[in-house]
PDB file of N, CA and C in Angstrom:
ATOM      1  N   LEU A   1      44.356  27.495-182.684  1.00  0.00           N
ATOM      2  CA  LEU A   1      45.832  28.467-182.930  1.00  0.00           C
ATOM      3  C   LEU A   1      45.080  29.706-182.343  1.00  0.00           C
ATOM      4  N   ILE A   2      43.626  30.021-182.508  1.00  0.00           N
ATOM      5  CA  ILE A   2      43.363  32.022-181.789  1.00  0.00           C
ATOM      6  C   ILE A   2      43.559  31.437-179.482  1.00  0.00           C
ATOM      7  N   LYS A   3      42.750  30.020-179.730  1.00  0.00           N
ATOM      8  CA  LYS A   3      43.283  29.991-178.135  1.00  0.00           C
ATOM      9  C   LYS A   3      44.723  30.011-177.723  1.00  0.00           C
ATOM     10  N   LYS A   4      45.549  29.107-178.485  1.00  0.00           N
ATOM     11  CA  LYS A   4      46.969  29.484-178.476  1.00  0.00           C
ATOM     12  C   LYS A   4      47.894  31.056-178.048  1.00  0.00           C
ATOM     13  N   SER A   5      47.216  31.158-178.552  1.00  0.00           N
ATOM     14  CA  SER A   5      48.106  32.917-179.329  1.00  0.00           C
ATOM     15  C   SER A   5      46.617  33.424-178.136  1.00  0.00           C
ATOM     16  N   VAL A   6      45.185  33.831-177.706  1.00  0.00           N
ATOM     17  CA  VAL A   6      45.289  33.974-176.526  1.00  0.00           C
ATOM     18  C   VAL A   6      46.498  33.902-175.149  1.00  0.00           C
ATOM     19  N   GLU A   7      46.081  33.403-174.621  1.00  0.00           N
ATOM     20  CA  GLU A   7      47.101  32.270-174.079  1.00  0.00           C
ATOM     21  C   GLU A   7      48.779  32.839-173.745  1.00  0.00           C
ATOM     22  N   LEU A   8      49.458  32.840-174.820  1.00  0.00           N
ATOM     23  CA  LEU A   8      50.439  33.180-175.128  1.00  0.00           C
ATOM     24  C   LEU A   8      50.988  34.942-174.410  1.00  0.00           C
ATOM     25  N   GLU A   9      49.848  35.549-175.446  1.00  0.00           N
ATOM     26  CA  GLU A   9      49.460  36.988-175.632  1.00  0.00           C
ATOM     27  C   GLU A   9      48.989  37.360-173.813  1.00  0.00           C
ATOM     28  N   LYS A  10      48.298  36.298-172.850  1.00  0.00           N
ATOM     29  CA  LYS A  10      48.243  36.633-171.747  1.00  0.00           C
ATOM     30  C   LYS A  10      49.504  36.479-170.545  1.00  0.00           C
ATOM     31  N   LYS A  11      50.060  35.279-171.242  1.00  0.00           N
ATOM     32  CA  LYS A  11      51.427  35.001-170.686  1.00  0.00           C
ATOM     33  C   LYS A  11      52.472  35.909-170.348  1.00  0.00           C
ATOM     34  N   TYR A  12      52.928  36.706-171.445  1.00  0.00           N
ATOM     35  CA  TYR A  12      53.387  38.019-171.886  1.00  0.00           C
ATOM     36  C   TYR A  12      53.168  39.397-171.449  1.00  0.00           C
ATOM     37  N   ALA A  13      51.551  39.774-170.945  1.00  0.00           N
ATOM     38  CA  ALA A  13      51.415  40.488-170.579  1.00  0.00           C
ATOM     39  C   ALA A  13      51.860  40.489-169.308  1.00  0.00           C
ATOM     40  N   LEU A  14      51.322  39.437-168.426  1.00  0.00           N
ATOM     41  CA  LEU A  14      51.881  39.393-166.751  1.00  0.00           C
ATOM     42  C   LEU A  14      53.360  39.092-166.711  1.00  0.00           C
ATOM     43  N   ASP A  15      54.263  38.890-168.077  1.00  0.00           N
ATOM     44  CA  ASP A  15      55.565  38.561-167.371  1.00  0.00           C
ATOM     45  C   ASP A  15      56.309  39.877-167.868  1.00  0.00           C
ATOM     46  N   ALA A  16      55.695  40.702-168.790  1.00  0.00           N
ATOM     47  CA  ALA A  16      56.070  42.055-168.817  1.00  0.00           C
ATOM     48  C   ALA A  16      55.850  43.440-168.370  1.00  0.00           C
ATOM     49  N   CYS A  17      54.260  42.993-167.601  1.00  0.00           N
ATOM     50  CA  CYS A  17      54.121  44.098-166.101  1.00  0.00           C
ATOM     51  C   CYS A  17      53.441  43.388-165.675  1.00  0.00           C
ATOM     52  N   PRO A  18      54.077  42.387-164.862  1.00  0.00           N
ATOM     53  CA  PRO A  18      53.170  41.709-163.758  1.00  0.00           C
ATOM     54  C   PRO A  18      52.036  42.605-162.791  1.00  0.00           C
ATOM     55  N   LYS A  19      52.626  43.742-162.537  1.00  0.00           N
ATOM     56  CA  LYS A  19      51.690  44.213-161.645  1.00  0.00           C
ATOM     57  C   LYS A  19      50.457  45.561-162.333  1.00  0.00           C
ATOM     58  N   GLY A  20      50.691  45.277-164.169  1.00  0.00           N
ATOM     59  CA  GLY A  20      49.771  46.074-164.591  1.00  0.00           C
ATOM     60  C   GLY A  20      50.727  47.276-165.270  1.00  0.00           C
ATOM     61  N   ILE A  21      49.739  48.017-166.027  1.00  0.00           N
ATOM     62  CA  ILE A  21      50.159  49.544-166.018  1.00  0.00           C
ATOM     63  C   ILE A  21      49.245  50.669-165.595  1.00  0.00           C
ATOM     64  N   VAL A  22      49.969  51.884-166.729  1.00  0.00           N
ATOM     65  CA  VAL A  22      49.263  53.052-165.560  1.00  0.00           C
ATOM     66  C   VAL A  22      47.544  52.671-166.256  1.00  0.00           C
ATOM     67  N   GLY A  23      46.499  52.865-165.558  1.00  0.00           N
ATOM     68  CA  GLY A  23      45.226  52.098-165.640  1.00  0.00           C
ATOM     69  C   GLY A  23      44.348  50.881-166.722  1.00  0.00           C
ATOM     70  N   ILE A  24      45.655  50.325-166.624  1.00  0.00           N
ATOM     71  CA  ILE A  24      45.773  49.063-166.659  1.00  0.00           C
ATOM     72  C   ILE A  24      45.653  47.755-166.019  1.00  0.00           C
ATOM     73  N   ASN A  25      45.137  46.572-164.981  1.00  0.00           N
ATOM     74  CA  ASN A  25      45.951  46.576-164.391  1.00  0.00           C
ATOM     75  C   ASN A  25      45.812  44.577-165.053  1.00  0.00           C
ATOM     76  N   ALA A  26      46.304  43.292-164.502  1.00  0.00           N
ATOM     77  CA  ALA A  26      46.457  42.221-165.506  1.00  0.00           C
ATOM     78  C   ALA A  26      44.678  41.551-166.173  1.00  0.00           C
ATOM     79  N   GLU A  27      43.980  41.594-164.945  1.00  0.00           N
ATOM     80  CA  GLU A  27      42.729  41.217-165.434  1.00  0.00           C
ATOM     81  C   GLU A  27      42.126  42.201-166.220  1.00  0.00           C
ATOM     82  N   GLN A  28      42.214  43.068-166.563  1.00  0.00           N
ATOM     83  CA  GLN A  28      41.393  43.790-167.363  1.00  0.00           C
ATOM     84  C   GLN A  28      42.328  43.265-168.897  1.00  0.00           C
ATOM     85  N   PHE A  29      43.453  42.712-168.608  1.00  0.00           N
ATOM     86  CA  PHE A  29      44.630  43.701-170.125  1.00  0.00           C
ATOM     87  C   PHE A  29      44.066  41.568-170.775  1.00  0.00           C
ATOM     88  N   SER A  30      43.667  41.244-169.362  1.00  0.00           N
ATOM     89  CA  SER A  30      43.139  39.423-169.690  1.00  0.00           C
ATOM     90  C   SER A  30      42.018  39.546-170.743  1.00  0.00           C
ATOM     91  N   GLU A  31      40.675  39.888-170.557  1.00  0.00           N
ATOM     92  CA  GLU A  31      39.956  40.738-171.143  1.00  0.00           C
ATOM     93  C   GLU A  31      39.785  41.190-172.131  1.00  0.00           C
ATOM     94  N   TYR A  32      40.562  41.760-172.141  1.00  0.00           N
ATOM     95  CA  TYR A  32      40.574  42.693-173.243  1.00  0.00           C
ATOM     96  C   TYR A  32      41.059  41.790-174.481  1.00  0.00           C
ATOM     97  N   VAL A  33      42.072  40.881-174.473  1.00  0.00           N
ATOM     98  CA  VAL A  33      42.919  40.298-175.179  1.00  0.00           C
ATOM     99  C   VAL A  33      41.178  39.250-175.871  1.00  0.00           C
ATOM    100  N   GLU A  34      40.970  38.368-174.495  1.00  0.00           N
ATOM    101  CA  GLU A  34      39.490  37.603-174.959  1.00  0.00           C
ATOM    102  C   GLU A  34      38.703  38.490-175.975  1.00  0.00           C
ATOM    103  N   TYR A  35      38.757  39.229-175.709  1.00  0.00           N
ATOM    104  CA  TYR A  35      37.685  40.644-176.063  1.00  0.00           C
ATOM    105  C   TYR A  35      38.400  40.591-177.781  1.00  0.00           C
ATOM    106  N   VAL A  36      39.086  41.314-177.691  1.00  0.00           N
ATOM    107  CA  VAL A  36      40.032  41.381-179.193  1.00  0.00           C
ATOM    108  C   VAL A  36      39.757  39.972-180.301  1.00  0.00           C
ATOM    109  N   ALA A  37      40.707  38.932-179.932  1.00  0.00           N
ATOM    110  CA  ALA A  37      40.130  37.331-180.600  1.00  0.00           C
ATOM    111  C   ALA A  37      38.908  36.983-180.254  1.00  0.00           C
ATOM    112  N   ASP A  38      37.906  37.672-179.681  1.00  0.00           N
ATOM    113  CA  ASP A  38      36.110  36.881-180.493  1.00  0.00           C
ATOM    114  C   ASP A  38      36.518  38.193-181.460  1.00  0.00           C
ATOM    115  N   ARG A  39      36.199  39.211-181.515  1.00  0.00           N
ATOM    116  CA  ARG A  39      36.071  39.976-182.774  1.00  0.00           C
ATOM    117  C   ARG A  39      37.034  39.297-183.982  1.00  0.00           C
ATOM    118  N   ARG A  40      38.491  39.202-183.727  1.00  0.00           N
ATOM    119  CA  ARG A  40      38.703  38.418-184.526  1.00  0.00           C
ATOM    120  C   ARG A  40      37.823  38.233-185.063  1.00  0.00           C
ATOM    121  N   LEU A  41      37.160  36.886-184.566  1.00  0.00           N
ATOM    122  CA  LEU A  41      36.812  35.222-185.368  1.00  0.00           C
ATOM    123  C   LEU A  41      35.451  35.606-185.625  1.00  0.00           C
ATOM    124  N   GLU A  42      35.249  36.280-185.392  1.00  0.00           N
ATOM    125  CA  GLU A  42      34.024  37.159-185.998  1.00  0.00           C
ATOM    126  C   GLU A  42      33.912  37.632-187.311  1.00  0.00           C
ATOM    127  N   ARG A  43      35.009  38.540-187.294  1.00  0.00           N
ATOM    128  CA  ARG A  43      35.268  39.338-188.922  1.00  0.00           C
ATOM    129  C   ARG A  43      35.707  37.917-189.680  1.00  0.00           C
ATOM    130  N   ILE A  44      35.859  36.679-189.394  1.00  0.00           N
ATOM    131  CA  ILE A  44      36.921  35.996-190.209  1.00  0.00           C
ATOM    132  C   ILE A  44      35.546  34.400-190.295  1.00  0.00           C
ATOM    133  N   GLY A  45      34.145  34.661-189.611  1.00  0.00           N
ATOM    134  CA  GLY A  45      32.615  33.731-189.763  1.00  0.00           C
ATOM    135  C   GLY A  45      32.850  33.063-189.109  1.00  0.00           C
ATOM    136  N   LEU A  46      33.644  33.177-187.607  1.00  0.00           N
ATOM    137  CA  LEU A  46      34.126  32.091-187.394  1.00  0.00           C
ATOM    138  C   LEU A  46      33.522  32.811-185.270  1.00  0.00           C
ATOM    139  N   PRO A  47      32.067  31.561-184.388  1.00  0.00           N
ATOM    140  CA  PRO A  47      31.779  32.012-183.309  1.00  0.00           C
ATOM    141  C   PRO A  47      32.858  32.338-182.682  1.00  0.00           C
ATOM    142  N   LYS A  48      32.362  32.636-181.569  1.00  0.00           N
ATOM    143  CA  LYS A  48      32.875  33.227-180.752  1.00  0.00           C
ATOM    144  C   LYS A  48      33.525  32.084-179.269  1.00  0.00           C
ATOM    145  N   ILE A  49      34.957  32.518-179.053  1.00  0.00           N
ATOM    146  CA  ILE A  49      34.924  31.224-178.100  1.00  0.00           C
ATOM    147  C   ILE A  49      34.836  32.131-176.418  1.00  0.00           C
ATOM    148  N   TYR A  50      35.301  33.271-176.267  1.00  0.00           N
ATOM    149  CA  TYR A  50      34.893  33.914-175.146  1.00  0.00           C
ATOM    150  C   TYR A  50      34.122  34.341-174.841  1.00  0.00           C
ATOM    151  N   PHE A  51      32.940  35.536-175.360  1.00  0.00           N
ATOM    152  CA  PHE A  51      32.332  36.048-175.237  1.00  0.00           C
ATOM    153  C   PHE A  51      32.406  36.692-173.539  1.00  0.00           C
ATOM    154  N   THR A  52      33.690  37.606-174.275  1.00  0.00           N
ATOM    155  CA  THR A  52      34.254  38.839-172.605  1.00  0.00           C
ATOM    156  C   THR A  52      33.302  39.696-173.409  1.00  0.00           C
ATOM    157  N   LEU A  53      32.892  40.994-172.615  1.00  0.00           N
ATOM    158  CA  LEU A  53      32.892  41.941-172.639  1.00  0.00           C
ATOM    159  C   LEU A  53      34.285  43.177-172.873  1.00  0.00           C
ATOM    160  N   ASN A  54      34.372  44.373-173.719  1.00  0.00           N
ATOM    161  CA  ASN A  54      35.050  45.001-173.618  1.00  0.00           C
ATOM    162  C   ASN A  54      35.376  45.509-172.361  1.00  0.00           C
ATOM    163  N   PRO A  55      36.299  45.283-172.007  1.00  0.00           N
ATOM    164  CA  PRO A  55      36.220  45.435-170.171  1.00  0.00           C
ATOM    165  C   PRO A  55      36.914  47.692-170.632  1.00  0.00           C
ATOM    166  N   PHE A  56      37.031  48.315-171.273  1.00  0.00           N
ATOM    167  CA  PHE A  56      37.421  49.631-171.719  1.00  0.00           C
ATOM    168  C   PHE A  56      35.902  50.031-172.653  1.00  0.00           C
ATOM    169  N   PRO A  57      35.057  50.226-172.204  1.00  0.00           N
ATOM    170  CA  PRO A  57      33.463  50.603-173.154  1.00  0.00           C
ATOM    171  C   PRO A  57      34.005  52.790-173.634  1.00  0.00           C
TER     172      PRO A  57
END
């Protein structure tokens, strides 16, 4: 479920903002989506899937 959600959110972002938005490019947005997914998994006691760092420290 999480993997599919991440995939759909990334596709939506590329469709909605193919050139990115001010301060965020498509790659950074994808990394952020993965980072948030991992945090959500950890909060419910499941292991990370992506191990992606926050691109916006």
